[in-house]
mmCIF file of all heavy atoms, coordinates in Angstrom:
data_MODEL
# 
_entry.id   MODEL 
# 
loop_
_atom_site.group_PDB 
_atom_site.id 
_atom_site.type_symbol 
_atom_site.label_atom_id 
_atom_site.label_alt_id 
_atom_site.label_comp_id 
_atom_site.label_asym_id 
_atom_site.label_entity_id 
_atom_site.label_seq_id 
_atom_site.pdbx_PDB_ins_code 
_atom_site.Cartn_x 
_atom_site.Cartn_y 
_atom_site.Cartn_z 
_atom_site.occupancy 
_atom_site.B_iso_or_equiv 
_atom_site.pdbx_formal_charge 
_atom_site.auth_seq_id 
_atom_site.auth_comp_id 
_atom_site.auth_asym_id 
_atom_site.auth_atom_id 
_atom_site.pdbx_PDB_model_num 
ATOM 1   N N   . LEU A 1 1  ? -4.925 -1.299 15.924  1.00 0.00 ? 1  LEU A N   1 
ATOM 2   C CA  . LEU A 1 1  ? -4.035 -0.157 15.903  1.00 0.00 ? 1  LEU A CA  1 
ATOM 3   C C   . LEU A 1 1  ? -2.767 -0.413 15.051  1.00 0.00 ? 1  LEU A C   1 
ATOM 4   O O   . LEU A 1 1  ? -2.257 0.438  14.306  1.00 0.00 ? 1  LEU A O   1 
ATOM 5   C CB  . LEU A 1 1  ? -3.594 0.170  17.381  1.00 0.00 ? 1  LEU A CB  1 
ATOM 6   C CG  . LEU A 1 1  ? -4.763 0.746  18.265  1.00 0.00 ? 1  LEU A CG  1 
ATOM 7   C CD1 . LEU A 1 1  ? -4.109 1.085  19.682  1.00 0.00 ? 1  LEU A CD1 1 
ATOM 8   C CD2 . LEU A 1 1  ? -5.247 2.075  17.717  1.00 0.00 ? 1  LEU A CD2 1 
ATOM 9   N N   . ILE A 1 2  ? -2.135 -1.563 15.192  1.00 0.00 ? 2  ILE A N   1 
ATOM 10  C CA  . ILE A 1 2  ? -0.948 -1.973 14.503  1.00 0.00 ? 2  ILE A CA  1 
ATOM 11  C C   . ILE A 1 2  ? -1.178 -2.039 12.981  1.00 0.00 ? 2  ILE A C   1 
ATOM 12  O O   . ILE A 1 2  ? -0.535 -1.396 12.158  1.00 0.00 ? 2  ILE A O   1 
ATOM 13  C CB  . ILE A 1 2  ? -0.352 -3.278 14.927  1.00 0.00 ? 2  ILE A CB  1 
ATOM 14  C CG1 . ILE A 1 2  ? 0.117  -3.225 16.372  1.00 0.00 ? 2  ILE A CG1 1 
ATOM 15  C CG2 . ILE A 1 2  ? 0.769  -3.739 14.094  1.00 0.00 ? 2  ILE A CG2 1 
ATOM 16  C CD1 . ILE A 1 2  ? 0.497  -4.404 16.980  1.00 0.00 ? 2  ILE A CD1 1 
ATOM 17  N N   . PHE A 1 3  ? -2.332 -2.665 12.584  1.00 0.00 ? 3  PHE A N   1 
ATOM 18  C CA  . PHE A 1 3  ? -2.712 -2.751 11.085  1.00 0.00 ? 3  PHE A CA  1 
ATOM 19  C C   . PHE A 1 3  ? -2.915 -1.372 10.548  1.00 0.00 ? 3  PHE A C   1 
ATOM 20  O O   . PHE A 1 3  ? -2.586 -1.151 9.355   1.00 0.00 ? 3  PHE A O   1 
ATOM 21  C CB  . PHE A 1 3  ? -3.870 -3.697 10.916  1.00 0.00 ? 3  PHE A CB  1 
ATOM 22  C CG  . PHE A 1 3  ? -3.428 -5.029 10.655  1.00 0.00 ? 3  PHE A CG  1 
ATOM 23  C CD1 . PHE A 1 3  ? -3.275 -5.923 11.733  1.00 0.00 ? 3  PHE A CD1 1 
ATOM 24  C CD2 . PHE A 1 3  ? -3.318 -5.660 9.403   1.00 0.00 ? 3  PHE A CD2 1 
ATOM 25  C CE1 . PHE A 1 3  ? -2.756 -7.302 11.454  1.00 0.00 ? 3  PHE A CE1 1 
ATOM 26  C CE2 . PHE A 1 3  ? -2.863 -6.946 9.193   1.00 0.00 ? 3  PHE A CE2 1 
ATOM 27  C CZ  . PHE A 1 3  ? -2.604 -7.754 10.271  1.00 0.00 ? 3  PHE A CZ  1 
ATOM 28  N N   . GLY A 1 4  ? -3.650 -0.577 11.272  1.00 0.00 ? 4  GLY A N   1 
ATOM 29  C CA  . GLY A 1 4  ? -3.964 0.817  10.804  1.00 0.00 ? 4  GLY A CA  1 
ATOM 30  C C   . GLY A 1 4  ? -2.698 1.556  10.503  1.00 0.00 ? 4  GLY A C   1 
ATOM 31  O O   . GLY A 1 4  ? -2.587 2.276  9.631   1.00 0.00 ? 4  GLY A O   1 
ATOM 32  N N   . ALA A 1 5  ? -1.720 1.527  11.417  1.00 0.00 ? 5  ALA A N   1 
ATOM 33  C CA  . ALA A 1 5  ? -0.476 2.125  11.197  1.00 0.00 ? 5  ALA A CA  1 
ATOM 34  C C   . ALA A 1 5  ? 0.341  1.568  10.112  1.00 0.00 ? 5  ALA A C   1 
ATOM 35  O O   . ALA A 1 5  ? 0.953  2.411  9.240   1.00 0.00 ? 5  ALA A O   1 
ATOM 36  C CB  . ALA A 1 5  ? 0.419  2.075  12.505  1.00 0.00 ? 5  ALA A CB  1 
ATOM 37  N N   . VAL A 1 6  ? 0.370  0.327  9.837   1.00 0.00 ? 6  VAL A N   1 
ATOM 38  C CA  . VAL A 1 6  ? 1.015  -0.268 8.707   1.00 0.00 ? 6  VAL A CA  1 
ATOM 39  C C   . VAL A 1 6  ? 0.445  0.175  7.427   1.00 0.00 ? 6  VAL A C   1 
ATOM 40  O O   . VAL A 1 6  ? 1.144  0.501  6.456   1.00 0.00 ? 6  VAL A O   1 
ATOM 41  C CB  . VAL A 1 6  ? 1.017  -1.837 8.804   1.00 0.00 ? 6  VAL A CB  1 
ATOM 42  C CG1 . VAL A 1 6  ? 1.491  -2.469 7.559   1.00 0.00 ? 6  VAL A CG1 1 
ATOM 43  C CG2 . VAL A 1 6  ? 1.827  -2.350 10.103  1.00 0.00 ? 6  VAL A CG2 1 
ATOM 44  N N   . TYR A 1 7  ? -0.852 0.264  7.408   1.00 0.00 ? 7  TYR A N   1 
ATOM 45  C CA  . TYR A 1 7  ? -1.638 0.569  6.111   1.00 0.00 ? 7  TYR A CA  1 
ATOM 46  C C   . TYR A 1 7  ? -1.327 2.064  5.862   1.00 0.00 ? 7  TYR A C   1 
ATOM 47  O O   . TYR A 1 7  ? -1.159 2.527  4.679   1.00 0.00 ? 7  TYR A O   1 
ATOM 48  C CB  . TYR A 1 7  ? -3.013 0.276  6.237   1.00 0.00 ? 7  TYR A CB  1 
ATOM 49  C CG  . TYR A 1 7  ? -3.303 -1.154 6.198   1.00 0.00 ? 7  TYR A CG  1 
ATOM 50  C CD1 . TYR A 1 7  ? -4.666 -1.628 6.526   1.00 0.00 ? 7  TYR A CD1 1 
ATOM 51  C CD2 . TYR A 1 7  ? -2.437 -2.128 5.761   1.00 0.00 ? 7  TYR A CD2 1 
ATOM 52  C CE1 . TYR A 1 7  ? -4.983 -2.989 6.514   1.00 0.00 ? 7  TYR A CE1 1 
ATOM 53  C CE2 . TYR A 1 7  ? -2.701 -3.489 5.788   1.00 0.00 ? 7  TYR A CE2 1 
ATOM 54  C CZ  . TYR A 1 7  ? -4.000 -3.936 6.112   1.00 0.00 ? 7  TYR A CZ  1 
ATOM 55  O OH  . TYR A 1 7  ? -4.266 -5.257 6.061   1.00 0.00 ? 7  TYR A OH  1 
ATOM 56  N N   . ALA A 1 8  ? -1.302 2.878  6.901   1.00 0.00 ? 8  ALA A N   1 
ATOM 57  C CA  . ALA A 1 8  ? -1.141 4.328  6.720   1.00 0.00 ? 8  ALA A CA  1 
ATOM 58  C C   . ALA A 1 8  ? 0.147  4.643  6.098   1.00 0.00 ? 8  ALA A C   1 
ATOM 59  O O   . ALA A 1 8  ? 0.394  5.551  5.225   1.00 0.00 ? 8  ALA A O   1 
ATOM 60  C CB  . ALA A 1 8  ? -1.272 4.980  8.092   1.00 0.00 ? 8  ALA A CB  1 
ATOM 61  N N   . PHE A 1 9  ? 1.369  3.980  6.593   1.00 0.00 ? 9  PHE A N   1 
ATOM 62  C CA  . PHE A 1 9  ? 2.632  4.309  6.103   1.00 0.00 ? 9  PHE A CA  1 
ATOM 63  C C   . PHE A 1 9  ? 3.109  3.311  4.938   1.00 0.00 ? 9  PHE A C   1 
ATOM 64  O O   . PHE A 1 9  ? 4.059  3.607  4.327   1.00 0.00 ? 9  PHE A O   1 
ATOM 65  C CB  . PHE A 1 9  ? 3.609  4.214  7.374   1.00 0.00 ? 9  PHE A CB  1 
ATOM 66  C CG  . PHE A 1 9  ? 3.269  5.265  8.258   1.00 0.00 ? 9  PHE A CG  1 
ATOM 67  C CD1 . PHE A 1 9  ? 2.733  4.914  9.542   1.00 0.00 ? 9  PHE A CD1 1 
ATOM 68  C CD2 . PHE A 1 9  ? 3.712  6.600  8.185   1.00 0.00 ? 9  PHE A CD2 1 
ATOM 69  C CE1 . PHE A 1 9  ? 2.498  5.854  10.511  1.00 0.00 ? 9  PHE A CE1 1 
ATOM 70  C CE2 . PHE A 1 9  ? 3.530  7.459  9.180   1.00 0.00 ? 9  PHE A CE2 1 
ATOM 71  C CZ  . PHE A 1 9  ? 2.893  7.216  10.231  1.00 0.00 ? 9  PHE A CZ  1 
ATOM 72  N N   . GLY A 1 10 ? 2.492  2.165  4.827   1.00 0.00 ? 10 GLY A N   1 
ATOM 73  C CA  . GLY A 1 10 ? 2.953  1.210  3.805   1.00 0.00 ? 10 GLY A CA  1 
ATOM 74  C C   . GLY A 1 10 ? 1.973  0.831  2.756   1.00 0.00 ? 10 GLY A C   1 
ATOM 75  O O   . GLY A 1 10 ? 2.274  -0.034 1.933   1.00 0.00 ? 10 GLY A O   1 
ATOM 76  N N   . GLY A 1 11 ? 0.829  1.496  2.765   1.00 0.00 ? 11 GLY A N   1 
ATOM 77  C CA  . GLY A 1 11 ? -0.263 1.112  1.757   1.00 0.00 ? 11 GLY A CA  1 
ATOM 78  C C   . GLY A 1 11 ? 0.234  1.246  0.375   1.00 0.00 ? 11 GLY A C   1 
ATOM 79  O O   . GLY A 1 11 ? -0.096 0.369  -0.477  1.00 0.00 ? 11 GLY A O   1 
ATOM 80  N N   . GLU A 1 12 ? 0.798  2.341  0.024   1.00 0.00 ? 12 GLU A N   1 
ATOM 81  C CA  . GLU A 1 12 ? 1.197  2.561  -1.361  1.00 0.00 ? 12 GLU A CA  1 
ATOM 82  C C   . GLU A 1 12 ? 2.351  1.640  -1.771  1.00 0.00 ? 12 GLU A C   1 
ATOM 83  O O   . GLU A 1 12 ? 2.308  1.220  -2.995  1.00 0.00 ? 12 GLU A O   1 
ATOM 84  C CB  . GLU A 1 12 ? 1.525  4.038  -1.536  1.00 0.00 ? 12 GLU A CB  1 
ATOM 85  C CG  . GLU A 1 12 ? 0.481  5.027  -1.324  1.00 0.00 ? 12 GLU A CG  1 
ATOM 86  C CD  . GLU A 1 12 ? 0.854  6.465  -1.676  1.00 0.00 ? 12 GLU A CD  1 
ATOM 87  O OE1 . GLU A 1 12 ? 1.981  6.594  -2.206  1.00 0.00 ? 12 GLU A OE1 1 
ATOM 88  O OE2 . GLU A 1 12 ? 0.118  7.306  -1.387  1.00 0.00 ? 12 GLU A OE2 1 
ATOM 89  N N   . PHE A 1 13 ? 3.133  1.218  -0.822  1.00 0.00 ? 13 PHE A N   1 
ATOM 90  C CA  . PHE A 1 13 ? 4.161  0.285  -1.149  1.00 0.00 ? 13 PHE A CA  1 
ATOM 91  C C   . PHE A 1 13 ? 3.503  -1.104 -1.517  1.00 0.00 ? 13 PHE A C   1 
ATOM 92  O O   . PHE A 1 13 ? 3.913  -1.764 -2.598  1.00 0.00 ? 13 PHE A O   1 
ATOM 93  C CB  . PHE A 1 13 ? 5.203  0.063  0.008   1.00 0.00 ? 13 PHE A CB  1 
ATOM 94  C CG  . PHE A 1 13 ? 6.089  -1.105 -0.189  1.00 0.00 ? 13 PHE A CG  1 
ATOM 95  C CD1 . PHE A 1 13 ? 7.261  -0.932 -1.004  1.00 0.00 ? 13 PHE A CD1 1 
ATOM 96  C CD2 . PHE A 1 13 ? 5.875  -2.339 0.526   1.00 0.00 ? 13 PHE A CD2 1 
ATOM 97  C CE1 . PHE A 1 13 ? 8.131  -1.984 -1.121  1.00 0.00 ? 13 PHE A CE1 1 
ATOM 98  C CE2 . PHE A 1 13 ? 6.787  -3.367 0.320   1.00 0.00 ? 13 PHE A CE2 1 
ATOM 99  C CZ  . PHE A 1 13 ? 7.936  -3.190 -0.501  1.00 0.00 ? 13 PHE A CZ  1 
ATOM 100 N N   . ILE A 1 14 ? 2.418  -1.452 -0.808  1.00 0.00 ? 14 ILE A N   1 
ATOM 101 C CA  . ILE A 1 14 ? 1.783  -2.700 -1.033  1.00 0.00 ? 14 ILE A CA  1 
ATOM 102 C C   . ILE A 1 14 ? 1.052  -2.647 -2.392  1.00 0.00 ? 14 ILE A C   1 
ATOM 103 O O   . ILE A 1 14 ? 1.122  -3.685 -3.138  1.00 0.00 ? 14 ILE A O   1 
ATOM 104 C CB  . ILE A 1 14 ? 0.707  -2.930 0.034   1.00 0.00 ? 14 ILE A CB  1 
ATOM 105 C CG1 . ILE A 1 14 ? 1.418  -3.207 1.401   1.00 0.00 ? 14 ILE A CG1 1 
ATOM 106 C CG2 . ILE A 1 14 ? -0.131 -4.233 -0.276  1.00 0.00 ? 14 ILE A CG2 1 
ATOM 107 C CD1 . ILE A 1 14 ? 0.497  -3.332 2.571   1.00 0.00 ? 14 ILE A CD1 1 
ATOM 108 N N   . PHE A 1 15 ? 0.592  -1.529 -2.785  1.00 0.00 ? 15 PHE A N   1 
ATOM 109 C CA  . PHE A 1 15 ? -0.118 -1.357 -4.055  1.00 0.00 ? 15 PHE A CA  1 
ATOM 110 C C   . PHE A 1 15 ? 0.901  -1.561 -5.189  1.00 0.00 ? 15 PHE A C   1 
ATOM 111 O O   . PHE A 1 15 ? 0.642  -2.177 -6.210  1.00 0.00 ? 15 PHE A O   1 
ATOM 112 C CB  . PHE A 1 15 ? -0.756 0.097  -4.193  1.00 0.00 ? 15 PHE A CB  1 
ATOM 113 C CG  . PHE A 1 15 ? -1.859 0.356  -3.244  1.00 0.00 ? 15 PHE A CG  1 
ATOM 114 C CD1 . PHE A 1 15 ? -2.145 1.638  -2.970  1.00 0.00 ? 15 PHE A CD1 1 
ATOM 115 C CD2 . PHE A 1 15 ? -2.577 -0.655 -2.737  1.00 0.00 ? 15 PHE A CD2 1 
ATOM 116 C CE1 . PHE A 1 15 ? -3.232 1.956  -2.099  1.00 0.00 ? 15 PHE A CE1 1 
ATOM 117 C CE2 . PHE A 1 15 ? -3.661 -0.433 -1.870  1.00 0.00 ? 15 PHE A CE2 1 
ATOM 118 C CZ  . PHE A 1 15 ? -3.873 0.981  -1.575  1.00 0.00 ? 15 PHE A CZ  1 
ATOM 119 N N   . GLY A 1 16 ? 2.136  -1.155 -4.963  1.00 0.00 ? 16 GLY A N   1 
ATOM 120 C CA  . GLY A 1 16 ? 3.225  -1.290 -5.912  1.00 0.00 ? 16 GLY A CA  1 
ATOM 121 C C   . GLY A 1 16 ? 3.495  -2.781 -6.093  1.00 0.00 ? 16 GLY A C   1 
ATOM 122 O O   . GLY A 1 16 ? 3.924  -3.250 -7.292  1.00 0.00 ? 16 GLY A O   1 
ATOM 123 N N   . ILE A 1 17 ? 3.437  -3.543 -5.182  1.00 0.00 ? 17 ILE A N   1 
ATOM 124 C CA  . ILE A 1 17 ? 3.742  -4.986 -5.232  1.00 0.00 ? 17 ILE A CA  1 
ATOM 125 C C   . ILE A 1 17 ? 2.590  -5.650 -6.072  1.00 0.00 ? 17 ILE A C   1 
ATOM 126 O O   . ILE A 1 17 ? 2.841  -6.618 -6.850  1.00 0.00 ? 17 ILE A O   1 
ATOM 127 C CB  . ILE A 1 17 ? 3.814  -5.705 -3.912  1.00 0.00 ? 17 ILE A CB  1 
ATOM 128 C CG1 . ILE A 1 17 ? 5.047  -5.147 -3.189  1.00 0.00 ? 17 ILE A CG1 1 
ATOM 129 C CG2 . ILE A 1 17 ? 4.002  -7.182 -3.933  1.00 0.00 ? 17 ILE A CG2 1 
ATOM 130 C CD1 . ILE A 1 17 ? 5.230  -5.593 -1.713  1.00 0.00 ? 17 ILE A CD1 1 
ATOM 131 N N   . LEU A 1 18 ? 1.317  -5.227 -5.860  1.00 0.00 ? 18 LEU A N   1 
ATOM 132 C CA  . LEU A 1 18 ? 0.150  -5.864 -6.462  1.00 0.00 ? 18 LEU A CA  1 
ATOM 133 C C   . LEU A 1 18 ? 0.011  -5.449 -7.899  1.00 0.00 ? 18 LEU A C   1 
ATOM 134 O O   . LEU A 1 18 ? -0.617 -6.288 -8.607  1.00 0.00 ? 18 LEU A O   1 
ATOM 135 C CB  . LEU A 1 18 ? -1.031 -5.565 -5.674  1.00 0.00 ? 18 LEU A CB  1 
ATOM 136 C CG  . LEU A 1 18 ? -1.082 -6.055 -4.200  1.00 0.00 ? 18 LEU A CG  1 
ATOM 137 C CD1 . LEU A 1 18 ? -2.330 -5.603 -3.489  1.00 0.00 ? 18 LEU A CD1 1 
ATOM 138 C CD2 . LEU A 1 18 ? -1.008 -7.623 -4.182  1.00 0.00 ? 18 LEU A CD2 1 
ATOM 139 N N   . SER A 1 19 ? 0.425  -4.363 -8.308  1.00 0.00 ? 19 SER A N   1 
ATOM 140 C CA  . SER A 1 19 ? 0.124  -3.916 -9.726  1.00 0.00 ? 19 SER A CA  1 
ATOM 141 C C   . SER A 1 19 ? 1.143  -3.052 -10.187 1.00 0.00 ? 19 SER A C   1 
ATOM 142 O O   . SER A 1 19 ? 1.753  -2.181 -9.477  1.00 0.00 ? 19 SER A O   1 
ATOM 143 C CB  . SER A 1 19 ? -1.216 -3.213 -9.833  1.00 0.00 ? 19 SER A CB  1 
ATOM 144 O OG  . SER A 1 19 ? -1.556 -2.778 -11.014 1.00 0.00 ? 19 SER A OG  1 
ATOM 145 N N   . ASP A 1 20 ? 1.523  -3.114 -11.558 1.00 0.00 ? 20 ASP A N   1 
ATOM 146 C CA  . ASP A 1 20 ? 2.374  -2.149 -12.141 1.00 0.00 ? 20 ASP A CA  1 
ATOM 147 C C   . ASP A 1 20 ? 1.673  -1.123 -12.980 1.00 0.00 ? 20 ASP A C   1 
ATOM 148 O O   . ASP A 1 20 ? 2.310  -0.389 -13.806 1.00 0.00 ? 20 ASP A O   1 
ATOM 149 C CB  . ASP A 1 20 ? 3.475  -2.922 -13.045 1.00 0.00 ? 20 ASP A CB  1 
ATOM 150 C CG  . ASP A 1 20 ? 2.889  -3.789 -14.017 1.00 0.00 ? 20 ASP A CG  1 
ATOM 151 O OD1 . ASP A 1 20 ? 1.552  -3.710 -14.246 1.00 0.00 ? 20 ASP A OD1 1 
ATOM 152 O OD2 . ASP A 1 20 ? 3.571  -4.503 -14.718 1.00 0.00 ? 20 ASP A OD2 1 
ATOM 153 N N   . ASP A 1 21 ? 0.341  -1.081 -12.824 1.00 0.00 ? 21 ASP A N   1 
ATOM 154 C CA  . ASP A 1 21 ? -0.471 -0.100 -13.519 1.00 0.00 ? 21 ASP A CA  1 
ATOM 155 C C   . ASP A 1 21 ? -0.466 1.182  -12.661 1.00 0.00 ? 21 ASP A C   1 
ATOM 156 O O   . ASP A 1 21 ? -1.112 1.314  -11.624 1.00 0.00 ? 21 ASP A O   1 
ATOM 157 C CB  . ASP A 1 21 ? -1.911 -0.598 -13.739 1.00 0.00 ? 21 ASP A CB  1 
ATOM 158 C CG  . ASP A 1 21 ? -2.693 0.252  -14.574 1.00 0.00 ? 21 ASP A CG  1 
ATOM 159 O OD1 . ASP A 1 21 ? -2.762 1.432  -14.412 1.00 0.00 ? 21 ASP A OD1 1 
ATOM 160 O OD2 . ASP A 1 21 ? -3.472 -0.326 -15.442 1.00 0.00 ? 21 ASP A OD2 1 
ATOM 161 N N   . ALA A 1 22 ? 0.228  2.201  -13.187 1.00 0.00 ? 22 ALA A N   1 
ATOM 162 C CA  . ALA A 1 22 ? 0.344  3.442  -12.392 1.00 0.00 ? 22 ALA A CA  1 
ATOM 163 C C   . ALA A 1 22 ? -0.879 4.073  -12.182 1.00 0.00 ? 22 ALA A C   1 
ATOM 164 O O   . ALA A 1 22 ? -1.171 4.734  -11.156 1.00 0.00 ? 22 ALA A O   1 
ATOM 165 C CB  . ALA A 1 22 ? 1.299  4.400  -13.165 1.00 0.00 ? 22 ALA A CB  1 
ATOM 166 N N   . GLU A 1 23 ? -1.841 4.082  -13.039 1.00 0.00 ? 23 GLU A N   1 
ATOM 167 C CA  . GLU A 1 23 ? -3.144 4.759  -12.912 1.00 0.00 ? 23 GLU A CA  1 
ATOM 168 C C   . GLU A 1 23 ? -3.983 4.107  -11.881 1.00 0.00 ? 23 GLU A C   1 
ATOM 169 O O   . GLU A 1 23 ? -4.627 4.734  -11.025 1.00 0.00 ? 23 GLU A O   1 
ATOM 170 C CB  . GLU A 1 23 ? -3.895 4.804  -14.346 1.00 0.00 ? 23 GLU A CB  1 
ATOM 171 C CG  . GLU A 1 23 ? -5.105 5.542  -14.288 1.00 0.00 ? 23 GLU A CG  1 
ATOM 172 C CD  . GLU A 1 23 ? -5.873 5.689  -15.580 1.00 0.00 ? 23 GLU A CD  1 
ATOM 173 O OE1 . GLU A 1 23 ? -5.315 5.164  -16.596 1.00 0.00 ? 23 GLU A OE1 1 
ATOM 174 O OE2 . GLU A 1 23 ? -6.974 6.213  -15.665 1.00 0.00 ? 23 GLU A OE2 1 
ATOM 175 N N   . VAL A 1 24 ? -3.987 2.745  -11.877 1.00 0.00 ? 24 VAL A N   1 
ATOM 176 C CA  . VAL A 1 24 ? -4.789 1.995  -10.800 1.00 0.00 ? 24 VAL A CA  1 
ATOM 177 C C   . VAL A 1 24 ? -4.172 2.296  -9.511  1.00 0.00 ? 24 VAL A C   1 
ATOM 178 O O   . VAL A 1 24 ? -4.938 2.470  -8.571  1.00 0.00 ? 24 VAL A O   1 
ATOM 179 C CB  . VAL A 1 24 ? -4.734 0.477  -11.182 1.00 0.00 ? 24 VAL A CB  1 
ATOM 180 C CG1 . VAL A 1 24 ? -5.322 -0.323 -10.025 1.00 0.00 ? 24 VAL A CG1 1 
ATOM 181 C CG2 . VAL A 1 24 ? -5.477 0.208  -12.515 1.00 0.00 ? 24 VAL A CG2 1 
# 
């Protein structure tokens, strides 16, 4: 439950850390 909530609200932030490719 905790991980699901973190990914729902913070997933796009994590993507920004992992890549600077806007399209990806």
